[in-house]
Amino acid sequence: MADNTVTPEVLWAQRSSNSDPEKNFIYLTISVPDVPRENLKLDLKPTGLSFTGHSDTLKKTYHVELEFYAEIDPAESKVNHSARDVEMKLRKKELNESYWPRLLKDTKKQHFLKTDFDKWVDEDEQNEAADDDFNFGGMGSAKYDSLLPAGGLPGMGTLAGDNDFGGIDFSKIGGGNPSGDDDDESDDDMPPLEGEEEEEGEDKGEKTEKKEFAEDAADAKEVVSS
């Protein structure tokens, strides 16, 4: 079956603040199941983004380009990748207590774009809403600029080349080892368990006793022979 290119579902929600940049952002989720990190390419700019991802199991290539209603700050934005989707927390560039009226600059309704009701709160209820950072508070996420290759600058189109899916290094998300293997540690470096310590101590004691007994026997034999 031949691969086909489809537009993924995109969910969004937002928060706003005229004084705190940390509370002035867009939640964006691109639904791309079974797309591994090495098959992802994300180009995030102040005015929009371009995303491409390929699923070998589903034989699908996902592609979407978005032009935002207003500018964001890619350097202060975060990215989180999972087996189901790519989530982003995009920092709005301009501090403003009012919500964006829409996500995109174009007023035309897009069939793939939907409100993320799991993250959405009404503008006048922001202060009362729980301060939930969802998937962006732990090791599973990373700032966008930290994922760029050496010498790359966010927002300059460094990831928009035609060479495969390279560019952004998603392996740095979630501890930096996509395979889950830890090459720096082995069972030999692990400290012994409490029971093992006792057994090891007993073995050493037995060996010492046997050695002392053998030495005493040798001394006795020497005395008899003399």
N, C-alpha and C. Protein backbone atom coordinates (compact mmCIF):
# COMPACT_ATOMS: atom_id res chain seq x y z
N MET A 1 0.85 -1.19 0.00
CA MET A 1 0.00 0.00 0.00
C MET A 1 0.88 1.24 0.00
N ALA A 2 0.61 2.18 -0.89
CA ALA A 2 1.43 3.37 -1.03
C ALA A 2 1.18 4.34 0.12
N ASP A 3 2.22 5.08 0.46
CA ASP A 3 2.08 6.09 1.50
C ASP A 3 1.17 7.21 1.01
N ASN A 4 0.44 7.83 1.93
CA ASN A 4 -0.37 8.99 1.56
C ASN A 4 -0.12 10.10 2.57
N THR A 5 -0.19 11.34 2.10
CA THR A 5 0.04 12.49 2.96
C THR A 5 -1.30 13.05 3.43
N VAL A 6 -1.40 13.23 4.74
CA VAL A 6 -2.65 13.71 5.33
C VAL A 6 -2.34 14.87 6.26
N THR A 7 -3.37 15.68 6.50
CA THR A 7 -3.26 16.77 7.47
C THR A 7 -3.70 16.26 8.83
N PRO A 8 -2.83 16.33 9.84
CA PRO A 8 -3.20 15.81 11.16
C PRO A 8 -4.18 16.72 11.89
N GLU A 9 -4.87 16.16 12.84
CA GLU A 9 -5.74 16.96 13.70
C GLU A 9 -4.88 17.82 14.62
N VAL A 10 -5.26 19.07 14.76
CA VAL A 10 -4.54 20.02 15.61
C VAL A 10 -5.49 20.57 16.66
N LEU A 11 -5.11 20.42 17.94
CA LEU A 11 -5.91 20.95 19.04
C LEU A 11 -5.19 22.13 19.68
N TRP A 12 -5.95 23.10 20.16
CA TRP A 12 -5.31 24.25 20.78
C TRP A 12 -6.14 24.83 21.92
N ALA A 13 -5.43 25.47 22.83
CA ALA A 13 -6.03 26.22 23.93
C ALA A 13 -5.04 27.33 24.26
N GLN A 14 -5.42 28.24 25.17
CA GLN A 14 -4.51 29.35 25.46
C GLN A 14 -4.71 29.91 26.85
N ARG A 15 -3.70 30.68 27.28
CA ARG A 15 -3.77 31.48 28.49
C ARG A 15 -3.22 32.86 28.14
N SER A 16 -3.53 33.86 28.94
CA SER A 16 -3.05 35.22 28.64
C SER A 16 -2.70 35.95 29.93
N SER A 17 -1.76 36.87 29.80
CA SER A 17 -1.36 37.71 30.93
C SER A 17 -0.68 38.97 30.40
N ASN A 18 -0.92 40.09 31.05
CA ASN A 18 -0.26 41.33 30.65
C ASN A 18 0.95 41.64 31.51
N SER A 19 1.31 40.70 32.43
CA SER A 19 2.45 40.95 33.32
C SER A 19 3.38 39.75 33.49
N ASP A 20 2.86 38.54 33.32
CA ASP A 20 3.66 37.33 33.56
C ASP A 20 3.81 36.52 32.27
N PRO A 21 5.01 36.50 31.68
CA PRO A 21 5.22 35.74 30.44
C PRO A 21 4.93 34.25 30.59
N GLU A 22 5.14 33.71 31.79
CA GLU A 22 4.92 32.29 32.03
C GLU A 22 3.45 31.90 31.90
N LYS A 23 2.57 32.88 32.00
CA LYS A 23 1.13 32.63 31.93
C LYS A 23 0.53 33.19 30.64
N ASN A 24 1.37 33.37 29.65
CA ASN A 24 0.94 33.98 28.39
C ASN A 24 1.36 33.08 27.23
N PHE A 25 0.55 32.07 26.91
CA PHE A 25 1.01 31.05 25.97
C PHE A 25 -0.14 30.36 25.24
N ILE A 26 0.25 29.55 24.26
CA ILE A 26 -0.67 28.72 23.49
C ILE A 26 -0.33 27.26 23.74
N TYR A 27 -1.35 26.44 24.03
CA TYR A 27 -1.19 24.99 24.04
C TYR A 27 -1.53 24.48 22.64
N LEU A 28 -0.62 23.73 22.04
CA LEU A 28 -0.86 23.20 20.70
C LEU A 28 -0.51 21.71 20.67
N THR A 29 -1.43 20.89 20.19
CA THR A 29 -1.21 19.45 20.09
C THR A 29 -1.45 18.99 18.66
N ILE A 30 -0.44 18.36 18.07
CA ILE A 30 -0.57 17.78 16.73
C ILE A 30 -0.69 16.27 16.89
N SER A 31 -1.82 15.72 16.49
CA SER A 31 -2.09 14.29 16.69
C SER A 31 -1.46 13.48 15.56
N VAL A 32 -0.37 12.78 15.90
CA VAL A 32 0.36 11.98 14.91
C VAL A 32 0.77 10.65 15.54
N PRO A 33 -0.15 9.68 15.62
CA PRO A 33 0.16 8.41 16.28
C PRO A 33 1.21 7.60 15.52
N ASP A 34 2.01 6.87 16.30
CA ASP A 34 3.01 5.94 15.75
C ASP A 34 4.04 6.62 14.86
N VAL A 35 4.39 7.85 15.20
CA VAL A 35 5.45 8.54 14.48
C VAL A 35 6.66 8.64 15.40
N PRO A 36 7.74 7.90 15.12
CA PRO A 36 8.92 7.93 15.99
C PRO A 36 9.66 9.25 15.88
N ARG A 37 10.51 9.52 16.86
CA ARG A 37 11.22 10.79 16.92
C ARG A 37 12.07 11.04 15.68
N GLU A 38 12.71 9.97 15.17
CA GLU A 38 13.61 10.16 14.03
C GLU A 38 12.85 10.50 12.75
N ASN A 39 11.52 10.35 12.75
CA ASN A 39 10.72 10.66 11.56
C ASN A 39 9.95 11.97 11.70
N LEU A 40 10.41 12.84 12.59
CA LEU A 40 9.73 14.11 12.82
C LEU A 40 10.60 15.27 12.37
N LYS A 41 9.98 16.27 11.80
CA LYS A 41 10.67 17.52 11.48
C LYS A 41 9.76 18.68 11.84
N LEU A 42 10.25 19.56 12.70
CA LEU A 42 9.47 20.70 13.16
C LEU A 42 10.26 21.98 12.94
N ASP A 43 9.66 22.92 12.25
CA ASP A 43 10.26 24.24 12.03
C ASP A 43 9.35 25.27 12.68
N LEU A 44 9.80 25.79 13.81
CA LEU A 44 9.00 26.73 14.58
C LEU A 44 9.55 28.13 14.42
N LYS A 45 8.72 29.04 13.97
CA LYS A 45 9.11 30.43 13.74
C LYS A 45 8.20 31.37 14.53
N PRO A 46 8.58 32.64 14.67
CA PRO A 46 7.71 33.58 15.39
C PRO A 46 6.33 33.71 14.77
N THR A 47 6.24 33.56 13.46
CA THR A 47 4.96 33.79 12.80
C THR A 47 4.18 32.51 12.50
N GLY A 48 4.78 31.34 12.73
CA GLY A 48 4.07 30.10 12.42
C GLY A 48 4.95 28.89 12.56
N LEU A 49 4.46 27.76 12.06
CA LEU A 49 5.25 26.52 12.13
C LEU A 49 4.96 25.65 10.92
N SER A 50 5.92 24.76 10.66
CA SER A 50 5.78 23.73 9.64
C SER A 50 6.14 22.40 10.29
N PHE A 51 5.27 21.41 10.14
CA PHE A 51 5.50 20.10 10.76
C PHE A 51 5.33 19.00 9.72
N THR A 52 6.26 18.03 9.76
CA THR A 52 6.15 16.83 8.92
C THR A 52 6.53 15.62 9.76
N GLY A 53 5.75 14.58 9.68
CA GLY A 53 6.05 13.35 10.41
C GLY A 53 5.59 12.14 9.61
N HIS A 54 6.34 11.05 9.71
CA HIS A 54 6.02 9.84 8.95
C HIS A 54 5.84 8.64 9.87
N SER A 55 4.75 7.90 9.66
CA SER A 55 4.49 6.67 10.40
C SER A 55 4.72 5.48 9.48
N ASP A 56 5.72 4.65 9.81
CA ASP A 56 5.99 3.46 9.01
C ASP A 56 4.89 2.42 9.18
N THR A 57 4.34 2.32 10.40
CA THR A 57 3.31 1.30 10.65
C THR A 57 1.98 1.64 9.97
N LEU A 58 1.63 2.92 9.99
CA LEU A 58 0.36 3.35 9.38
C LEU A 58 0.51 3.74 7.91
N LYS A 59 1.77 3.76 7.42
CA LYS A 59 2.02 4.14 6.03
C LYS A 59 1.44 5.52 5.71
N LYS A 60 1.67 6.45 6.63
CA LYS A 60 1.15 7.81 6.45
C LYS A 60 2.24 8.84 6.68
N THR A 61 2.17 9.91 5.92
CA THR A 61 3.01 11.08 6.15
C THR A 61 2.09 12.23 6.56
N TYR A 62 2.36 12.81 7.72
CA TYR A 62 1.56 13.92 8.21
C TYR A 62 2.28 15.23 7.90
N HIS A 63 1.51 16.20 7.45
CA HIS A 63 2.11 17.51 7.16
C HIS A 63 1.09 18.60 7.43
N VAL A 64 1.57 19.65 8.12
CA VAL A 64 0.70 20.80 8.37
C VAL A 64 1.57 22.05 8.50
N GLU A 65 1.04 23.16 8.00
CA GLU A 65 1.68 24.47 8.14
C GLU A 65 0.66 25.44 8.73
N LEU A 66 1.11 26.19 9.73
CA LEU A 66 0.23 27.12 10.41
C LEU A 66 0.84 28.51 10.44
N GLU A 67 0.03 29.52 10.17
CA GLU A 67 0.45 30.91 10.32
C GLU A 67 -0.36 31.50 11.47
N PHE A 68 0.33 31.88 12.53
CA PHE A 68 -0.36 32.29 13.75
C PHE A 68 -1.00 33.67 13.63
N TYR A 69 -1.98 33.87 14.49
CA TYR A 69 -2.68 35.15 14.56
C TYR A 69 -1.72 36.27 14.93
N ALA A 70 -0.82 35.99 15.88
CA ALA A 70 0.20 36.95 16.30
C ALA A 70 1.51 36.19 16.54
N GLU A 71 2.57 36.90 16.89
CA GLU A 71 3.87 36.26 17.00
C GLU A 71 4.05 35.54 18.34
N ILE A 72 4.89 34.49 18.27
CA ILE A 72 5.29 33.77 19.47
C ILE A 72 6.81 33.91 19.64
N ASP A 73 7.33 33.38 20.75
CA ASP A 73 8.77 33.37 21.01
C ASP A 73 9.25 31.92 20.98
N PRO A 74 9.82 31.45 19.86
CA PRO A 74 10.25 30.05 19.76
C PRO A 74 11.27 29.66 20.82
N ALA A 75 12.17 30.58 21.20
CA ALA A 75 13.22 30.26 22.16
C ALA A 75 12.66 29.94 23.54
N GLU A 76 11.49 30.47 23.85
CA GLU A 76 10.88 30.23 25.16
C GLU A 76 9.71 29.24 25.07
N SER A 77 9.58 28.57 23.95
CA SER A 77 8.52 27.59 23.76
C SER A 77 9.04 26.18 24.05
N LYS A 78 8.13 25.28 24.44
CA LYS A 78 8.51 23.93 24.82
C LYS A 78 7.84 22.90 23.91
N VAL A 79 8.51 21.74 23.78
CA VAL A 79 8.02 20.66 22.92
C VAL A 79 8.03 19.36 23.71
N ASN A 80 6.98 18.56 23.55
CA ASN A 80 6.91 17.25 24.18
C ASN A 80 6.41 16.24 23.16
N HIS A 81 7.15 15.14 22.99
CA HIS A 81 6.77 14.10 22.02
C HIS A 81 6.34 12.84 22.75
N SER A 82 5.25 12.21 22.27
CA SER A 82 4.80 10.94 22.81
C SER A 82 4.44 10.02 21.64
N ALA A 83 4.00 8.81 21.96
CA ALA A 83 3.63 7.86 20.91
C ALA A 83 2.36 8.27 20.17
N ARG A 84 1.64 9.22 20.73
CA ARG A 84 0.36 9.64 20.12
C ARG A 84 0.43 10.99 19.43
N ASP A 85 1.29 11.90 19.94
CA ASP A 85 1.23 13.26 19.43
C ASP A 85 2.49 14.04 19.74
N VAL A 86 2.53 15.25 19.22
CA VAL A 86 3.56 16.22 19.56
C VAL A 86 2.85 17.42 20.18
N GLU A 87 3.20 17.71 21.44
CA GLU A 87 2.57 18.82 22.15
C GLU A 87 3.55 19.99 22.24
N MET A 88 3.01 21.18 22.17
CA MET A 88 3.83 22.38 22.28
C MET A 88 3.19 23.39 23.22
N LYS A 89 4.03 24.07 23.94
CA LYS A 89 3.60 25.19 24.77
C LYS A 89 4.31 26.43 24.23
N LEU A 90 3.58 27.20 23.44
CA LEU A 90 4.16 28.30 22.67
C LEU A 90 4.00 29.62 23.42
N ARG A 91 5.11 30.24 23.74
CA ARG A 91 5.08 31.51 24.47
C ARG A 91 4.65 32.65 23.53
N LYS A 92 3.58 33.32 23.88
CA LYS A 92 3.17 34.50 23.11
C LYS A 92 4.20 35.60 23.28
N LYS A 93 4.51 36.29 22.20
CA LYS A 93 5.55 37.32 22.25
C LYS A 93 5.07 38.57 22.97
N GLU A 94 3.83 38.97 22.73
CA GLU A 94 3.30 40.20 23.33
C GLU A 94 2.46 39.88 24.55
N LEU A 95 2.79 40.53 25.66
CA LEU A 95 1.99 40.39 26.87
C LEU A 95 0.66 41.11 26.69
N ASN A 96 -0.42 40.38 26.93
CA ASN A 96 -1.74 40.97 26.75
C ASN A 96 -2.74 40.18 27.60
N GLU A 97 -3.57 40.88 28.35
CA GLU A 97 -4.52 40.19 29.20
C GLU A 97 -5.66 39.56 28.39
N SER A 98 -5.81 39.98 27.15
CA SER A 98 -6.89 39.45 26.31
C SER A 98 -6.42 38.23 25.53
N TYR A 99 -7.33 37.30 25.34
CA TYR A 99 -7.06 36.13 24.51
C TYR A 99 -6.90 36.53 23.04
N TRP A 100 -6.15 35.69 22.30
CA TRP A 100 -6.20 35.81 20.85
C TRP A 100 -7.63 35.45 20.41
N PRO A 101 -8.19 36.16 19.45
CA PRO A 101 -9.55 35.81 19.00
C PRO A 101 -9.59 34.47 18.26
N ARG A 102 -8.44 34.02 17.76
CA ARG A 102 -8.33 32.74 17.04
C ARG A 102 -6.85 32.36 17.00
N LEU A 103 -6.55 31.14 16.62
CA LEU A 103 -5.16 30.69 16.56
C LEU A 103 -4.46 31.20 15.31
N LEU A 104 -5.16 31.18 14.18
CA LEU A 104 -4.54 31.46 12.89
C LEU A 104 -4.84 32.87 12.39
N LYS A 105 -3.94 33.35 11.57
CA LYS A 105 -4.13 34.67 10.97
C LYS A 105 -5.32 34.67 10.01
N ASP A 106 -5.46 33.59 9.29
CA ASP A 106 -6.56 33.45 8.34
C ASP A 106 -7.88 33.24 9.10
N THR A 107 -8.90 33.95 8.72
CA THR A 107 -10.19 33.85 9.39
C THR A 107 -11.01 32.65 8.89
N LYS A 108 -10.55 32.01 7.83
CA LYS A 108 -11.28 30.87 7.28
C LYS A 108 -11.21 29.68 8.24
N LYS A 109 -12.33 29.02 8.44
CA LYS A 109 -12.39 27.87 9.35
C LYS A 109 -11.65 26.68 8.73
N GLN A 110 -10.78 26.06 9.53
CA GLN A 110 -10.02 24.89 9.07
C GLN A 110 -10.59 23.62 9.69
N HIS A 111 -10.87 22.62 8.88
CA HIS A 111 -11.54 21.41 9.38
C HIS A 111 -10.68 20.61 10.35
N PHE A 112 -9.37 20.74 10.25
CA PHE A 112 -8.46 19.94 11.09
C PHE A 112 -8.19 20.60 12.44
N LEU A 113 -8.57 21.86 12.61
CA LEU A 113 -8.25 22.63 13.81
C LEU A 113 -9.45 22.64 14.77
N LYS A 114 -9.18 22.21 16.02
CA LYS A 114 -10.25 22.12 17.01
C LYS A 114 -9.79 22.66 18.36
N THR A 115 -10.74 23.06 19.16
CA THR A 115 -10.46 23.52 20.51
C THR A 115 -10.11 22.34 21.41
N ASP A 116 -9.06 22.49 22.20
CA ASP A 116 -8.67 21.45 23.16
C ASP A 116 -9.40 21.73 24.47
N PHE A 117 -10.55 21.10 24.64
CA PHE A 117 -11.38 21.39 25.80
C PHE A 117 -10.79 20.84 27.10
N ASP A 118 -9.85 19.91 27.00
CA ASP A 118 -9.19 19.40 28.20
C ASP A 118 -8.28 20.45 28.82
N LYS A 119 -7.79 21.38 28.01
CA LYS A 119 -6.88 22.42 28.49
C LYS A 119 -7.51 23.81 28.51
N TRP A 120 -8.62 23.98 27.84
CA TRP A 120 -9.20 25.30 27.70
C TRP A 120 -9.89 25.77 28.97
N VAL A 121 -9.71 27.05 29.28
CA VAL A 121 -10.51 27.74 30.30
C VAL A 121 -10.92 29.08 29.71
N ASP A 122 -12.06 29.57 30.13
CA ASP A 122 -12.53 30.85 29.62
C ASP A 122 -11.63 31.98 30.12
N GLU A 123 -11.58 33.02 29.32
CA GLU A 123 -10.67 34.13 29.60
C GLU A 123 -10.91 34.74 30.99
N ASP A 124 -12.17 34.86 31.39
CA ASP A 124 -12.47 35.49 32.68
C ASP A 124 -12.37 34.51 33.85
N GLU A 125 -11.97 33.27 33.58
CA GLU A 125 -11.83 32.28 34.64
C GLU A 125 -10.37 31.81 34.80
N GLN A 126 -9.45 32.50 34.16
CA GLN A 126 -8.05 32.08 34.21
C GLN A 126 -7.48 32.07 35.62
N ASN A 127 -7.77 33.11 36.38
CA ASN A 127 -7.19 33.24 37.72
C ASN A 127 -7.70 32.17 38.67
N GLU A 128 -8.92 31.69 38.42
CA GLU A 128 -9.49 30.67 39.29
C GLU A 128 -9.11 29.25 38.85
N ALA A 129 -8.62 29.12 37.60
CA ALA A 129 -8.30 27.79 37.07
C ALA A 129 -7.04 27.24 37.73
N ALA A 130 -6.97 25.92 37.82
CA ALA A 130 -5.80 25.26 38.40
C ALA A 130 -4.57 25.52 37.53
N ASP A 131 -3.45 25.73 38.18
CA ASP A 131 -2.20 26.01 37.46
C ASP A 131 -1.56 24.69 37.06
N ASP A 132 -2.15 24.04 36.05
CA ASP A 132 -1.71 22.72 35.61
C ASP A 132 -0.77 22.87 34.41
N ASP A 133 0.45 22.34 34.55
CA ASP A 133 1.44 22.45 33.48
C ASP A 133 1.39 21.26 32.54
N PHE A 134 0.42 20.36 32.75
CA PHE A 134 0.23 19.19 31.90
C PHE A 134 1.54 18.44 31.70
N ASN A 135 2.00 18.26 30.47
CA ASN A 135 3.20 17.45 30.21
C ASN A 135 4.48 18.28 30.07
N PHE A 136 4.43 19.54 30.51
CA PHE A 136 5.57 20.42 30.23
C PHE A 136 6.39 20.76 31.47
N GLY A 137 6.12 20.11 32.59
CA GLY A 137 6.83 20.45 33.79
C GLY A 137 7.97 19.51 34.16
N GLY A 138 8.08 18.37 33.48
CA GLY A 138 9.09 17.38 33.86
C GLY A 138 10.11 17.12 32.79
N MET A 139 10.74 15.91 32.89
CA MET A 139 11.82 15.55 31.98
C MET A 139 11.31 15.21 30.58
N GLY A 140 10.00 15.08 30.43
CA GLY A 140 9.48 14.67 29.14
C GLY A 140 9.43 15.78 28.10
N SER A 141 9.71 17.01 28.50
CA SER A 141 9.65 18.13 27.57
C SER A 141 10.98 18.85 27.55
N ALA A 142 11.17 19.69 26.51
CA ALA A 142 12.40 20.47 26.40
C ALA A 142 12.09 21.75 25.63
N LYS A 143 12.89 22.78 25.88
CA LYS A 143 12.72 24.02 25.13
C LYS A 143 13.09 23.78 23.67
N TYR A 144 12.37 24.46 22.80
CA TYR A 144 12.58 24.26 21.36
C TYR A 144 14.01 24.56 20.94
N ASP A 145 14.59 25.66 21.44
CA ASP A 145 15.93 26.03 20.99
C ASP A 145 16.99 25.04 21.47
N SER A 146 16.73 24.29 22.56
CA SER A 146 17.69 23.30 23.03
C SER A 146 17.70 22.06 22.15
N LEU A 147 16.69 21.91 21.29
CA LEU A 147 16.60 20.76 20.41
C LEU A 147 17.20 21.01 19.04
N LEU A 148 17.59 22.26 18.79
CA LEU A 148 18.15 22.61 17.49
C LEU A 148 19.56 22.08 17.33
N PRO A 149 19.99 21.80 16.10
CA PRO A 149 21.38 21.36 15.89
C PRO A 149 22.35 22.48 16.21
N ALA A 150 23.62 22.14 16.36
CA ALA A 150 24.64 23.14 16.70
C ALA A 150 24.66 24.25 15.65
N GLY A 151 24.61 25.49 16.12
CA GLY A 151 24.64 26.63 15.23
C GLY A 151 23.28 27.06 14.74
N GLY A 152 22.25 26.26 15.05
CA GLY A 152 20.91 26.60 14.59
C GLY A 152 20.28 27.68 15.45
N LEU A 153 19.51 28.55 14.85
CA LEU A 153 18.82 29.59 15.58
C LEU A 153 17.33 29.43 15.38
N PRO A 154 16.56 29.47 16.46
CA PRO A 154 15.12 29.33 16.32
C PRO A 154 14.54 30.44 15.48
N GLY A 155 13.57 30.07 14.65
CA GLY A 155 12.88 31.06 13.87
C GLY A 155 13.59 31.49 12.60
N MET A 156 14.71 30.85 12.25
CA MET A 156 15.46 31.26 11.06
C MET A 156 15.35 30.24 9.92
N GLY A 157 14.44 29.28 10.08
CA GLY A 157 14.22 28.32 9.01
C GLY A 157 15.30 27.27 8.91
N THR A 158 16.04 27.01 9.96
CA THR A 158 17.15 26.06 9.90
C THR A 158 16.67 24.63 9.76
N LEU A 159 15.38 24.39 10.01
CA LEU A 159 14.88 23.02 9.95
C LEU A 159 14.02 22.78 8.72
N ALA A 160 13.97 23.73 7.85
CA ALA A 160 13.03 23.63 6.74
C ALA A 160 13.66 23.08 5.47
N GLY A 161 14.82 22.43 5.59
CA GLY A 161 15.48 21.86 4.41
C GLY A 161 14.76 20.64 3.89
N ASP A 162 15.20 20.16 2.73
CA ASP A 162 14.54 19.02 2.09
C ASP A 162 15.20 17.69 2.43
N ASN A 163 16.20 17.70 3.31
CA ASN A 163 16.93 16.48 3.60
C ASN A 163 16.24 15.67 4.68
N ASP A 164 15.55 14.61 4.28
CA ASP A 164 14.91 13.66 5.19
C ASP A 164 14.08 14.37 6.26
N PHE A 165 14.14 13.80 7.50
CA PHE A 165 13.38 14.37 8.61
C PHE A 165 14.30 14.99 9.65
N GLY A 166 15.54 15.29 9.27
CA GLY A 166 16.53 15.76 10.25
C GLY A 166 16.21 17.13 10.78
N GLY A 167 17.17 17.71 11.49
CA GLY A 167 17.00 19.06 12.02
C GLY A 167 16.84 19.03 13.51
N ILE A 168 15.62 19.03 13.99
CA ILE A 168 15.36 19.07 15.41
C ILE A 168 15.70 17.73 16.04
N ASP A 169 16.38 17.75 17.17
CA ASP A 169 16.84 16.53 17.83
C ASP A 169 15.86 16.14 18.92
N PHE A 170 14.85 15.33 18.57
CA PHE A 170 13.84 14.91 19.53
C PHE A 170 14.40 13.93 20.55
N SER A 171 15.60 13.37 20.31
CA SER A 171 16.17 12.42 21.26
C SER A 171 16.54 13.10 22.57
N LYS A 172 16.62 14.44 22.57
CA LYS A 172 16.95 15.16 23.80
C LYS A 172 15.75 15.30 24.71
N ILE A 173 14.58 14.93 24.21
CA ILE A 173 13.38 14.99 25.04
C ILE A 173 13.30 13.71 25.86
N GLY A 174 13.02 13.86 27.16
CA GLY A 174 12.82 12.70 28.01
C GLY A 174 14.11 12.03 28.43
N GLY A 175 15.17 12.80 28.66
CA GLY A 175 16.40 12.26 29.18
C GLY A 175 17.46 12.03 28.14
N GLY A 176 17.14 12.19 26.85
CA GLY A 176 18.17 12.16 25.81
C GLY A 176 18.51 10.79 25.29
N ASN A 177 17.78 9.74 25.64
CA ASN A 177 18.08 8.41 25.12
C ASN A 177 16.79 7.75 24.68
N PRO A 178 16.42 7.83 23.39
CA PRO A 178 15.14 7.33 22.92
C PRO A 178 14.99 5.83 23.09
N SER A 179 16.06 5.07 23.15
CA SER A 179 15.95 3.62 23.27
C SER A 179 15.62 3.19 24.68
N GLY A 180 15.84 4.09 25.65
CA GLY A 180 15.57 3.75 27.03
C GLY A 180 16.71 3.00 27.68
N ASP A 181 17.78 2.67 26.93
CA ASP A 181 18.93 1.98 27.50
C ASP A 181 19.88 2.97 28.11
N ASP A 182 20.51 2.58 29.20
CA ASP A 182 21.47 3.46 29.86
C ASP A 182 22.84 2.84 29.68
N ASP A 183 23.64 3.41 28.75
CA ASP A 183 24.93 2.83 28.42
C ASP A 183 25.96 3.07 29.52
N ASP A 184 25.71 4.04 30.38
CA ASP A 184 26.70 4.39 31.38
C ASP A 184 26.59 3.56 32.65
N GLU A 185 25.53 2.76 32.76
CA GLU A 185 25.34 1.99 33.96
C GLU A 185 25.23 0.52 33.61
N SER A 186 25.68 -0.34 34.50
CA SER A 186 25.54 -1.78 34.32
C SER A 186 25.30 -2.41 35.66
N ASP A 187 24.94 -3.72 35.66
CA ASP A 187 24.67 -4.41 36.91
C ASP A 187 25.92 -4.48 37.78
N ASP A 188 27.10 -4.46 37.14
CA ASP A 188 28.34 -4.54 37.91
C ASP A 188 28.55 -3.32 38.79
N ASP A 189 27.96 -2.19 38.38
CA ASP A 189 28.15 -0.96 39.14
C ASP A 189 27.11 -0.79 40.24
N MET A 190 26.10 -1.67 40.26
CA MET A 190 25.04 -1.54 41.23
C MET A 190 25.53 -1.98 42.60
N PRO A 191 25.21 -1.24 43.67
CA PRO A 191 25.61 -1.67 45.02
C PRO A 191 24.84 -2.93 45.41
N PRO A 192 25.44 -3.81 46.22
CA PRO A 192 24.76 -5.05 46.62
C PRO A 192 23.58 -4.76 47.52
N LEU A 193 22.56 -5.62 47.45
CA LEU A 193 21.42 -5.49 48.32
C LEU A 193 21.81 -5.87 49.74
N GLU A 194 20.92 -5.58 50.68
CA GLU A 194 21.24 -5.81 52.08
C GLU A 194 21.54 -7.27 52.36
N GLY A 195 20.74 -8.20 51.82
CA GLY A 195 20.96 -9.62 52.01
C GLY A 195 22.25 -10.09 51.38
N GLU A 196 22.57 -9.50 50.22
CA GLU A 196 23.80 -9.88 49.53
C GLU A 196 25.01 -9.44 50.31
N GLU A 197 24.90 -8.26 50.98
CA GLU A 197 26.01 -7.79 51.80
C GLU A 197 26.30 -8.76 52.93
N GLU A 198 25.20 -9.29 53.57
CA GLU A 198 25.38 -10.22 54.67
C GLU A 198 26.02 -11.51 54.20
N GLU A 199 25.52 -12.02 53.04
CA GLU A 199 26.08 -13.25 52.50
C GLU A 199 27.54 -13.07 52.15
N GLU A 200 27.86 -11.91 51.57
CA GLU A 200 29.24 -11.64 51.19
C GLU A 200 30.13 -11.58 52.42
N GLY A 201 29.60 -10.95 53.52
CA GLY A 201 30.35 -10.88 54.75
C GLY A 201 30.57 -12.26 55.36
N GLU A 202 29.52 -13.12 55.27
CA GLU A 202 29.65 -14.47 55.79
C GLU A 202 30.70 -15.26 55.02
N ASP A 203 30.69 -15.11 53.69
CA ASP A 203 31.67 -15.82 52.85
C ASP A 203 33.08 -15.40 53.21
N LYS A 204 33.29 -14.09 53.41
CA LYS A 204 34.61 -13.61 53.77
C LYS A 204 35.04 -14.16 55.12
N GLY A 205 34.07 -14.22 56.08
CA GLY A 205 34.38 -14.74 57.40
C GLY A 205 34.77 -16.21 57.36
N GLU A 206 34.02 -17.00 56.52
CA GLU A 206 34.33 -18.41 56.39
C GLU A 206 35.72 -18.61 55.80
N LYS A 207 36.07 -17.82 54.81
CA LYS A 207 37.38 -17.95 54.19
C LYS A 207 38.49 -17.60 55.18
N THR A 208 38.25 -16.57 56.01
CA THR A 208 39.26 -16.19 57.01
C THR A 208 39.47 -17.29 58.03
N GLU A 209 38.32 -17.89 58.50
CA GLU A 209 38.42 -18.97 59.48
C GLU A 209 39.18 -20.16 58.92
N LYS A 210 38.90 -20.54 57.67
CA LYS A 210 39.57 -21.67 57.04
C LYS A 210 41.07 -21.39 56.90
N LYS A 211 41.41 -20.16 56.55
CA LYS A 211 42.81 -19.80 56.39
C LYS A 211 43.54 -19.90 57.72
N GLU A 212 42.90 -19.37 58.82
CA GLU A 212 43.52 -19.43 60.13
C GLU A 212 43.68 -20.86 60.61
N PHE A 213 42.67 -21.73 60.33
CA PHE A 213 42.73 -23.13 60.72
C PHE A 213 43.87 -23.83 60.01
N ALA A 214 44.04 -23.55 58.73
CA ALA A 214 45.10 -24.17 57.96
C ALA A 214 46.47 -23.74 58.49
N GLU A 215 46.58 -22.46 58.86
CA GLU A 215 47.85 -21.98 59.40
C GLU A 215 48.16 -22.64 60.74
N ASP A 216 47.13 -22.81 61.61
CA ASP A 216 47.33 -23.48 62.90
C ASP A 216 47.74 -24.92 62.72
N ALA A 217 47.14 -25.60 61.76
CA ALA A 217 47.47 -27.00 61.50
C ALA A 217 48.88 -27.12 61.02
N ALA A 218 49.32 -26.20 60.19
CA ALA A 218 50.69 -26.24 59.69
C ALA A 218 51.68 -26.01 60.80
N ASP A 219 51.36 -25.12 61.72
CA ASP A 219 52.25 -24.85 62.86
C ASP A 219 52.37 -26.08 63.76
N ALA A 220 51.21 -26.75 64.01
CA ALA A 220 51.21 -27.93 64.86
C ALA A 220 52.03 -29.05 64.23
N LYS A 221 51.92 -29.20 62.91
CA LYS A 221 52.64 -30.23 62.22
C LYS A 221 54.15 -29.98 62.30
N GLU A 222 54.52 -28.71 62.23
CA GLU A 222 55.93 -28.35 62.30
C GLU A 222 56.49 -28.67 63.68
N VAL A 223 55.71 -28.44 64.75
CA VAL A 223 56.15 -28.69 66.13
C VAL A 223 56.36 -30.18 66.33
N VAL A 224 55.42 -31.02 65.85
CA VAL A 224 55.51 -32.48 66.00
C VAL A 224 56.73 -33.03 65.30
N SER A 225 56.98 -32.55 64.08
CA SER A 225 58.10 -33.06 63.31
C SER A 225 59.44 -32.68 63.89
N SER A 226 59.45 -31.55 64.63
CA SER A 226 60.71 -31.12 65.22
C SER A 226 60.93 -31.83 66.56
